[in-house]
C-alpha atoms as a PDB file:
ATOM      1  CA  UNK A   1      76.748  74.460 120.345  1.00  0.00           C
ATOM      2  CA  UNK A   2      73.325  76.262 120.477  1.00  0.00           C
ATOM      3  CA  UNK A   3      70.605  75.302 122.513  1.00  0.00           C
ATOM      4  CA  UNK A   4      68.418  76.555 119.325  1.00  0.00           C
ATOM      5  CA  UNK A   5      68.996  72.945 117.863  1.00  0.00           C
ATOM      6  CA  UNK A   6      65.998  70.382 118.748  1.00  0.00           C
ATOM      7  CA  UNK A   7      68.947  67.523 118.542  1.00  0.00           C
ATOM      8  CA  UNK A   8      71.085  69.281 121.696  1.00  0.00           C
ATOM      9  CA  UNK A   9      68.275  70.057 123.205  1.00  0.00           C
ATOM     10  CA  UNK A  10      67.553  66.857 123.525  1.00  0.00           C
ATOM     11  CA  UNK A  11      70.778  65.612 124.009  1.00  0.00           C
ATOM     12  CA  UNK A  12      71.040  67.913 127.427  1.00  0.00           C
ATOM     13  CA  UNK A  13      67.473  66.865 129.074  1.00  0.00           C
ATOM     14  CA  UNK A  14      69.891  63.880 130.599  1.00  0.00           C
ATOM     15  CA  UNK A  15      71.950  66.839 132.148  1.00  0.00           C
ATOM     16  CA  UNK A  16      68.958  67.352 134.749  1.00  0.00           C
ATOM     17  CA  UNK A  17      69.041  64.163 136.745  1.00  0.00           C
ATOM     18  CA  UNK A  18      73.195  62.762 135.770  1.00  0.00           C
ATOM     19  CA  UNK A  19      73.977  63.253 139.342  1.00  0.00           C
ATOM     20  CA  UNK A  20      70.870  61.118 140.775  1.00  0.00           C
ATOM     21  CA  UNK A  21      71.184  58.458 138.412  1.00  0.00           C
ATOM     22  CA  UNK A  22      74.998  57.927 138.063  1.00  0.00           C
ATOM     23  CA  UNK A  23      74.200  57.529 141.512  1.00  0.00           C
ATOM     24  CA  UNK A  24      71.444  55.378 141.672  1.00  0.00           C
ATOM     25  CA  UNK A  25      71.009  53.353 138.414  1.00  0.00           C
ATOM     26  CA  UNK A  26      75.049  53.275 137.168  1.00  0.00           C
ATOM     27  CA  UNK A  27      76.164  50.771 139.222  1.00  0.00           C
ATOM     28  CA  UNK A  28      73.699  47.956 139.322  1.00  0.00           C
ATOM     29  CA  UNK A  29      72.594  48.159 135.821  1.00  0.00           C
ATOM     30  CA  UNK A  30      75.394  49.538 133.977  1.00  0.00           C
ATOM     31  CA  UNK A  31      78.904  48.362 135.984  1.00  0.00           C
ATOM     32  CA  UNK A  32      78.959  44.620 134.885  1.00  0.00           C
ATOM     33  CA  UNK A  33      78.071  45.001 131.512  1.00  0.00           C
ATOM     34  CA  UNK A  34      80.940  47.877 131.187  1.00  0.00           C
ATOM     35  CA  UNK A  35      83.239  45.072 132.774  1.00  0.00           C
ATOM     36  CA  UNK A  36      81.956  42.262 130.522  1.00  0.00           C
ATOM     37  CA  UNK A  37      82.659  44.801 127.137  1.00  0.00           C
ATOM     38  CA  UNK A  38      86.171  45.319 128.494  1.00  0.00           C
ATOM     39  CA  UNK A  39      86.888  42.129 127.887  1.00  0.00           C
ATOM     40  CA  UNK A  40      85.315  41.426 124.985  1.00  0.00           C
ATOM     41  CA  UNK A  41      87.549  44.229 123.704  1.00  0.00           C
ATOM     42  CA  UNK A  42      90.278  43.354 125.456  1.00  0.00           C
ATOM     43  CA  UNK A  43      93.029  45.582 124.864  1.00  0.00           C
ATOM     44  CA  UNK A  44      96.324  45.593 126.175  1.00  0.00           C
ATOM     45  CA  UNK A  45      97.992  47.425 129.088  1.00  0.00           C
ATOM     46  CA  UNK A  46      98.790  50.334 128.013  1.00  0.00           C
ATOM     47  CA  UNK A  47      96.422  50.958 125.376  1.00  0.00           C
ATOM     48  CA  UNK A  48      94.874  53.957 124.188  1.00  0.00           C
ATOM     49  CA  UNK A  49      90.987  53.816 124.125  1.00  0.00           C
ATOM     50  CA  UNK A  50      87.803  55.822 122.332  1.00  0.00           C
ATOM     51  CA  UNK A  51      84.653  55.058 124.032  1.00  0.00           C
ATOM     52  CA  UNK A  52      81.814  57.140 121.452  1.00  0.00           C
ATOM     53  CA  UNK A  53      78.678  57.314 122.690  1.00  0.00           C
ATOM     54  CA  UNK A  54      80.288  57.024 126.270  1.00  0.00           C
ATOM     55  CA  UNK A  55      76.742  57.593 128.257  1.00  0.00           C
ATOM     56  CA  UNK A  56      77.351  56.514 131.972  1.00  0.00           C
ATOM     57  CA  UNK A  57      81.091  56.378 131.593  1.00  0.00           C
ATOM     58  CA  UNK A  58      80.285  52.386 132.505  1.00  0.00           C
ATOM     59  CA  UNK A  59      82.848  50.631 129.899  1.00  0.00           C
ATOM     60  CA  UNK A  60      85.377  53.614 129.895  1.00  0.00           C
ATOM     61  CA  UNK A  61      85.503  53.291 133.929  1.00  0.00           C
ATOM     62  CA  UNK A  62      86.277  49.578 133.314  1.00  0.00           C
ATOM     63  CA  UNK A  63      88.192  49.879 130.769  1.00  0.00           C
ATOM     64  CA  UNK A  64      90.731  52.119 132.389  1.00  0.00           C
ATOM     65  CA  UNK A  65      90.865  49.797 135.189  1.00  0.00           C
ATOM     66  CA  UNK A  66      91.744  46.740 132.681  1.00  0.00           C
ATOM     67  CA  UNK A  67      94.529  49.028 130.872  1.00  0.00           C
ATOM     68  CA  UNK A  68      96.305  50.106 133.469  1.00  0.00           C
ATOM     69  CA  UNK A  69      97.746  53.811 134.688  1.00  0.00           C
ATOM     70  CA  UNK A  70      99.678  53.973 131.489  1.00  0.00           C
ATOM     71  CA  UNK A  71      96.937  53.817 129.302  1.00  0.00           C
ATOM     72  CA  UNK A  72      94.627  56.619 127.950  1.00  0.00           C
ATOM     73  CA  UNK A  73      91.377  56.550 127.779  1.00  0.00           C
ATOM     74  CA  UNK A  74      89.036  59.074 126.203  1.00  0.00           C
ATOM     75  CA  UNK A  75      85.213  59.507 126.599  1.00  0.00           C
ATOM     76  CA  UNK A  76      82.585  61.524 124.175  1.00  0.00           C
ATOM     77  CA  UNK A  77      79.407  61.943 124.246  1.00  0.00           C
ATOM     78  CA  UNK A  78      76.760  64.300 123.376  1.00  0.00           C
ATOM     79  CA  UNK A  79      75.458  64.931 126.674  1.00  0.00           C
END
């Protein structure tokens, strides 16, 4: 990826604040909605799940707990 592309520069803006955002905002803003979405999707134990546009990873973490240790949860995000 080239930093010359304005779309990539926009996607990378989050990188500068990611650690603080993850520690402060994710638990209180995204943990519960992530669990609710995982329950709504309700993949079976051991499923393979793809989270595109994973953002904070809250949904992927909830899905991982939901489907168990033998599952595969893959995430992708532009940032």
